[in-house]
Amino acid sequence: MFPTLLVLLSVATLGCALHLPVDPEFLLKKGPINNRVMGGVDTPIEAIPWQVLLLKQGSHYCGGVIYGKNIIITAAHCVCDDNAKILDPKIFDVQVGSSTSDNGGSVIKVAKTIVHDRFTLDPIIEYDIALILLSSPLEMGPTVKAIPLAESVPDDGASAIVSGWGWTETEANPLHLQSGNVTILSREKCARVFGDKRITKVTVCASSPGSCHGDSGGPLVSNDKLVGIVSFGKMGCPSNSPGVYANVVELRKWIEEEAKNLSSI
């Protein structure tokens, strides 16, 4: 159910501007990506009010997380193309406050996006994080809430929740928000699957099943705090391999500083 870059692309990736962002559609064509929540269940938005849906030209594209009234956190590869350029923010909208992907809640236009200046896809995917500035502030309530950032990475084996509208075992684009329970995995255990070089200090891992195509940019939450942002995993959904997330704890300073700068625009 969770969209994750389950494919480690052998693409010369410099990143947005200088970093090549991973476009979920592009990754699907190439093969090494996965962005969704597998093994999940229908979940009301009231249970995960920080979850948002990132729309590209009006269609479901990625997930995102409410950080503040006008700031959304998502994955860098969600807002960049495969030519290493940040996509025009005008093609994106953010849907908030609804459990279903096709109606309800509010849809707000995106005013600006920024990507971590160290975001890369090749030879490894890391610093896969971006911020979105909304064109108008959110109206907070039971279905629309910001989530605090974690101050420390949970211990190995700690419970966590991943959510999104990504592929499930039976649907490519489920209409209803899905969530699933996973456990945090140590960097050592995760490196046994992906290799030491791919599991860095700016990544955190969680057990399968988990995210898949369409879940990229969505939240990994433990103890009601944001721990990670859906990034990548092994090829194929469902997969018995861990999911890899941008490590919010390590990236917290960047998030806070850049969010402050964006909010002042």
Protein backbone atom coordinates (compact mmCIF):
# COMPACT_ATOMS: atom_id res chain seq x y z
CA MET A 1 0.00 0.00 0.00
CA PHE A 2 2.94 2.29 0.48
CA PRO A 3 4.72 3.77 -2.51
CA THR A 4 8.43 3.46 -2.09
CA LEU A 5 11.35 3.75 -4.42
CA LEU A 6 11.74 0.03 -4.25
CA VAL A 7 14.15 0.14 -7.07
CA LEU A 8 17.66 1.31 -6.73
CA LEU A 9 18.06 2.82 -10.16
CA SER A 10 21.31 2.76 -12.02
CA VAL A 11 20.62 6.27 -13.24
CA ALA A 12 23.07 9.14 -13.26
CA THR A 13 21.25 11.16 -10.67
CA LEU A 14 22.39 14.55 -9.70
CA GLY A 15 19.15 15.71 -8.19
CA CYS A 16 16.79 18.61 -8.52
CA ALA A 17 18.74 21.38 -10.06
CA LEU A 18 21.76 19.31 -9.16
CA HIS A 19 19.85 16.27 -7.99
CA LEU A 20 17.97 13.91 -10.23
CA PRO A 21 14.56 13.36 -8.60
CA VAL A 22 13.00 10.01 -9.00
CA ASP A 23 9.73 10.25 -10.85
CA PRO A 24 7.51 7.36 -9.66
CA GLU A 25 6.26 6.70 -13.21
CA PHE A 26 9.82 6.71 -14.52
CA LEU A 27 10.92 4.36 -11.78
CA LEU A 28 8.11 1.98 -12.52
CA LYS A 29 9.26 1.79 -16.12
CA LYS A 30 12.82 1.15 -15.09
CA GLY A 31 11.95 -1.44 -12.50
CA PRO A 32 13.73 -0.84 -9.15
CA ILE A 33 11.04 1.11 -7.28
CA ASN A 34 8.06 0.53 -5.06
CA ASN A 35 5.75 3.09 -3.52
CA ARG A 36 2.75 1.77 -1.59
CA VAL A 37 1.35 0.23 1.60
CA MET A 38 1.02 -3.55 1.51
CA GLY A 39 -0.90 -5.53 4.09
CA GLY A 40 -2.80 -2.47 5.22
CA VAL A 41 -6.41 -1.81 6.17
CA ASP A 42 -8.92 0.92 5.38
CA THR A 43 -8.25 3.77 7.79
CA PRO A 44 -10.23 6.95 8.53
CA ILE A 45 -8.32 10.19 8.03
CA GLU A 46 -9.15 11.10 11.66
CA ALA A 47 -6.69 8.37 12.70
CA ILE A 48 -3.92 9.80 10.50
CA PRO A 49 -4.88 13.48 10.07
CA TRP A 50 -1.35 14.48 9.04
CA GLN A 51 -1.55 12.34 5.88
CA VAL A 52 -2.01 14.19 2.59
CA LEU A 53 -2.26 13.19 -1.04
CA LEU A 54 0.03 14.88 -3.57
CA LEU A 55 -1.72 15.31 -6.91
CA LYS A 56 0.17 15.79 -10.15
CA GLN A 57 -1.96 17.38 -12.86
CA GLY A 58 -5.01 16.32 -10.89
CA SER A 59 -4.06 12.66 -10.42
CA HIS A 60 -2.78 10.70 -7.41
CA TYR A 61 1.00 10.80 -7.48
CA CYS A 62 2.57 10.60 -4.02
CA GLY A 63 1.90 11.02 -0.33
CA GLY A 64 2.92 13.77 2.02
CA VAL A 65 2.82 14.88 5.66
CA ILE A 66 1.49 18.05 7.28
CA TYR A 67 4.28 19.90 9.10
CA GLY A 68 2.55 23.24 9.58
CA LYS A 69 -0.36 25.32 8.33
CA ASN A 70 1.34 25.98 5.02
CA ILE A 71 4.16 23.40 4.88
CA ILE A 72 4.04 19.79 3.65
CA ILE A 73 6.90 17.29 3.85
CA THR A 74 7.30 14.76 1.03
CA ALA A 75 10.02 12.79 -0.79
CA ALA A 76 12.40 14.66 -3.08
CA HIS A 77 11.81 12.21 -5.92
CA CYS A 78 8.12 13.13 -5.85
CA VAL A 79 8.68 16.74 -6.91
CA CYS A 80 11.53 16.25 -9.40
CA ASP A 81 11.65 14.72 -12.87
CA ASP A 82 14.07 12.18 -14.34
CA ASN A 83 16.07 14.96 -16.00
CA ALA A 84 17.38 16.35 -12.71
CA LYS A 85 15.03 19.32 -12.63
CA ILE A 86 12.52 20.42 -10.03
CA LEU A 87 9.09 20.13 -11.56
CA ASP A 88 6.95 23.24 -11.96
CA PRO A 89 5.01 23.56 -8.67
CA LYS A 90 1.96 24.67 -10.67
CA ILE A 91 1.36 21.08 -11.77
CA PHE A 92 0.86 19.96 -8.17
CA ASP A 93 -2.00 20.20 -5.70
CA VAL A 94 -2.32 18.81 -2.19
CA GLN A 95 -5.50 17.13 -0.96
CA VAL A 96 -6.05 17.16 2.81
CA GLY A 97 -8.73 16.05 5.23
CA SER A 98 -10.18 13.09 3.33
CA SER A 99 -9.89 9.31 3.62
CA THR A 100 -10.71 8.85 -0.06
CA SER A 101 -8.43 9.84 -2.90
CA ASP A 102 -11.14 10.98 -5.31
CA ASN A 103 -13.26 13.35 -3.23
CA GLY A 104 -13.77 15.12 0.08
CA GLY A 105 -11.52 17.35 2.12
CA SER A 106 -9.80 20.34 0.54
CA VAL A 107 -7.47 20.70 -2.42
CA ILE A 108 -4.82 23.43 -2.20
CA LYS A 109 -2.46 24.57 -4.93
CA VAL A 110 1.28 24.32 -4.44
CA ALA A 111 3.17 27.62 -4.45
CA LYS A 112 6.77 26.41 -4.17
CA THR A 113 8.85 23.29 -3.61
CA ILE A 114 12.38 22.88 -2.29
CA VAL A 115 14.56 19.78 -2.26
CA HIS A 116 17.50 18.92 -0.03
CA ASP A 117 20.66 20.09 -1.78
CA ARG A 118 22.32 16.72 -1.16
CA PHE A 119 19.54 14.60 -2.64
CA THR A 120 20.94 11.87 -4.89
CA LEU A 121 19.72 8.74 -6.66
CA ASP A 122 22.95 7.33 -7.97
CA PRO A 123 24.99 5.56 -6.80
CA ILE A 124 22.75 5.63 -3.74
CA ILE A 125 19.41 7.18 -2.84
CA GLU A 126 19.72 9.51 0.12
CA TYR A 127 18.53 12.88 1.39
CA ASP A 128 15.25 12.00 -0.30
CA ILE A 129 13.24 14.79 1.27
CA ALA A 130 11.46 17.93 0.07
CA LEU A 131 9.19 20.64 1.43
CA ILE A 132 6.09 22.07 -0.22
CA LEU A 133 4.79 25.58 0.41
CA LEU A 134 1.02 25.76 0.01
CA SER A 135 -0.62 28.71 -1.73
CA SER A 136 -2.98 29.17 1.23
CA PRO A 137 -2.90 28.03 4.88
CA LEU A 138 -4.70 24.90 6.00
CA GLU A 139 -7.72 25.03 8.27
CA MET A 140 -6.72 22.71 11.10
CA GLY A 141 -9.27 20.38 12.67
CA PRO A 142 -9.98 16.71 13.46
CA THR A 143 -9.06 15.61 9.92
CA VAL A 144 -6.22 18.08 9.30
CA LYS A 145 -3.39 18.17 11.85
CA ALA A 146 0.36 18.68 11.86
CA ILE A 147 2.58 15.99 13.35
CA PRO A 148 5.66 16.66 15.51
CA LEU A 149 9.05 15.45 14.34
CA ALA A 150 10.70 12.63 16.26
CA GLU A 151 13.71 13.61 18.36
CA SER A 152 15.32 10.18 18.30
CA VAL A 153 15.08 7.09 16.11
CA PRO A 154 12.99 4.39 17.84
CA ASP A 155 14.79 1.28 19.03
CA ASP A 156 15.05 -1.81 16.88
CA GLY A 157 11.72 -3.65 17.13
CA ALA A 158 9.66 -0.58 18.05
CA SER A 159 6.20 -0.46 16.50
CA ALA A 160 5.39 2.05 13.77
CA ILE A 161 2.67 2.83 11.24
CA VAL A 162 2.99 3.57 7.53
CA SER A 163 0.09 4.93 5.49
CA GLY A 164 -0.96 6.01 2.02
CA TRP A 165 -3.04 5.40 -1.07
CA GLY A 166 -0.38 3.31 -2.82
CA TRP A 167 -0.87 -0.11 -4.38
CA THR A 168 -2.26 -2.91 -2.26
CA GLU A 169 -2.27 -6.64 -2.91
CA THR A 170 -5.53 -6.27 -4.87
CA GLU A 171 -5.68 -2.66 -6.09
CA ALA A 172 -3.32 -0.45 -8.06
CA ASN A 173 -4.95 2.75 -6.83
CA PRO A 174 -7.16 2.14 -3.79
CA LEU A 175 -9.70 4.89 -3.19
CA HIS A 176 -9.52 4.52 0.59
CA LEU A 177 -6.56 5.46 2.76
CA GLN A 178 -4.60 2.43 3.95
CA SER A 179 -2.38 2.00 6.98
CA GLY A 180 -0.31 -0.89 8.24
CA ASN A 181 1.79 -1.84 11.25
CA VAL A 182 5.54 -2.33 10.83
CA THR A 183 8.53 -2.50 13.16
CA ILE A 184 11.68 -0.41 13.14
CA LEU A 185 14.78 -2.28 11.97
CA SER A 186 18.35 -1.50 12.95
CA ARG A 187 20.71 -0.11 10.32
CA GLU A 188 22.76 -3.30 10.61
CA LYS A 189 19.83 -5.57 9.77
CA CYS A 190 18.75 -3.36 6.91
CA ALA A 191 22.27 -3.22 5.48
CA ARG A 192 22.27 -7.01 5.17
CA VAL A 193 19.58 -6.59 2.52
CA PHE A 194 20.66 -3.39 0.75
CA GLY A 195 24.36 -3.16 1.53
CA ASP A 196 26.24 -0.84 3.89
CA LYS A 197 26.62 1.95 1.34
CA ARG A 198 22.89 2.23 0.67
CA ILE A 199 21.83 2.40 4.30
CA THR A 200 23.26 5.66 5.58
CA LYS A 201 22.68 7.91 8.57
CA VAL A 202 19.94 9.75 6.67
CA THR A 203 17.86 6.60 6.21
CA VAL A 204 15.79 4.53 8.61
CA CYS A 205 14.32 1.10 7.93
CA ALA A 206 11.10 -0.70 8.82
CA SER A 207 9.89 -4.25 8.34
CA SER A 208 7.70 -5.55 5.53
CA PRO A 209 4.96 -5.53 4.45
CA GLY A 210 4.83 -1.82 3.97
CA SER A 211 4.90 0.86 1.32
CA CYS A 212 4.70 0.35 -2.41
CA HIS A 213 3.98 2.25 -5.66
CA GLY A 214 2.10 5.44 -4.80
CA ASP A 215 3.10 5.72 -1.13
CA SER A 216 6.31 7.69 -1.72
CA GLY A 217 6.55 10.80 0.40
CA GLY A 218 4.16 9.45 3.02
CA PRO A 219 4.74 9.10 6.77
CA LEU A 220 6.40 6.50 8.96
CA VAL A 221 5.10 7.25 12.45
CA SER A 222 6.02 5.88 15.87
CA ASN A 223 4.57 7.12 19.18
CA ASP A 224 2.64 9.80 17.29
CA LYS A 225 5.82 11.38 15.94
CA LEU A 226 7.17 11.48 12.40
CA VAL A 227 10.15 9.16 12.10
CA GLY A 228 10.53 8.76 8.35
CA ILE A 229 9.36 9.61 4.84
CA VAL A 230 8.69 6.75 2.40
CA SER A 231 11.69 6.56 0.04
CA PHE A 232 12.69 3.19 -1.48
CA GLY A 233 12.80 -0.57 -1.14
CA LYS A 234 13.52 -3.77 -3.02
CA MET A 235 11.99 -4.42 -6.41
CA GLY A 236 8.49 -5.86 -6.32
CA CYS A 237 5.41 -5.37 -4.17
CA PRO A 238 4.69 -7.08 -1.93
CA SER A 239 8.24 -7.69 -0.83
CA ASN A 240 9.70 -9.55 2.11
CA SER A 241 12.47 -6.97 2.25
CA PRO A 242 12.46 -3.89 4.51
CA GLY A 243 11.28 -0.49 3.40
CA VAL A 244 13.72 2.42 3.54
CA TYR A 245 12.66 5.89 4.66
CA ALA A 246 14.29 9.30 4.82
CA ASN A 247 15.45 9.67 8.42
CA VAL A 248 13.51 12.61 9.87
CA VAL A 249 15.62 12.69 13.02
CA GLU A 250 18.83 13.25 11.05
CA LEU A 251 17.09 15.68 8.70
CA ARG A 252 15.21 17.55 11.39
CA LYS A 253 17.45 20.63 11.41
CA TRP A 254 17.12 21.01 7.64
CA ILE A 255 13.33 20.63 7.84
CA GLU A 256 12.99 23.21 10.60
CA GLU A 257 15.28 25.77 8.98
CA GLU A 258 13.88 25.44 5.47
CA ALA A 259 10.28 25.42 6.71
CA LYS A 260 10.97 28.69 8.54
CA ASN A 261 12.45 30.19 5.39
CA LEU A 262 9.53 29.05 3.24
CA SER A 263 6.94 30.35 5.67
CA SER A 264 8.52 33.80 5.52
CA ILE A 265 8.05 34.09 1.75
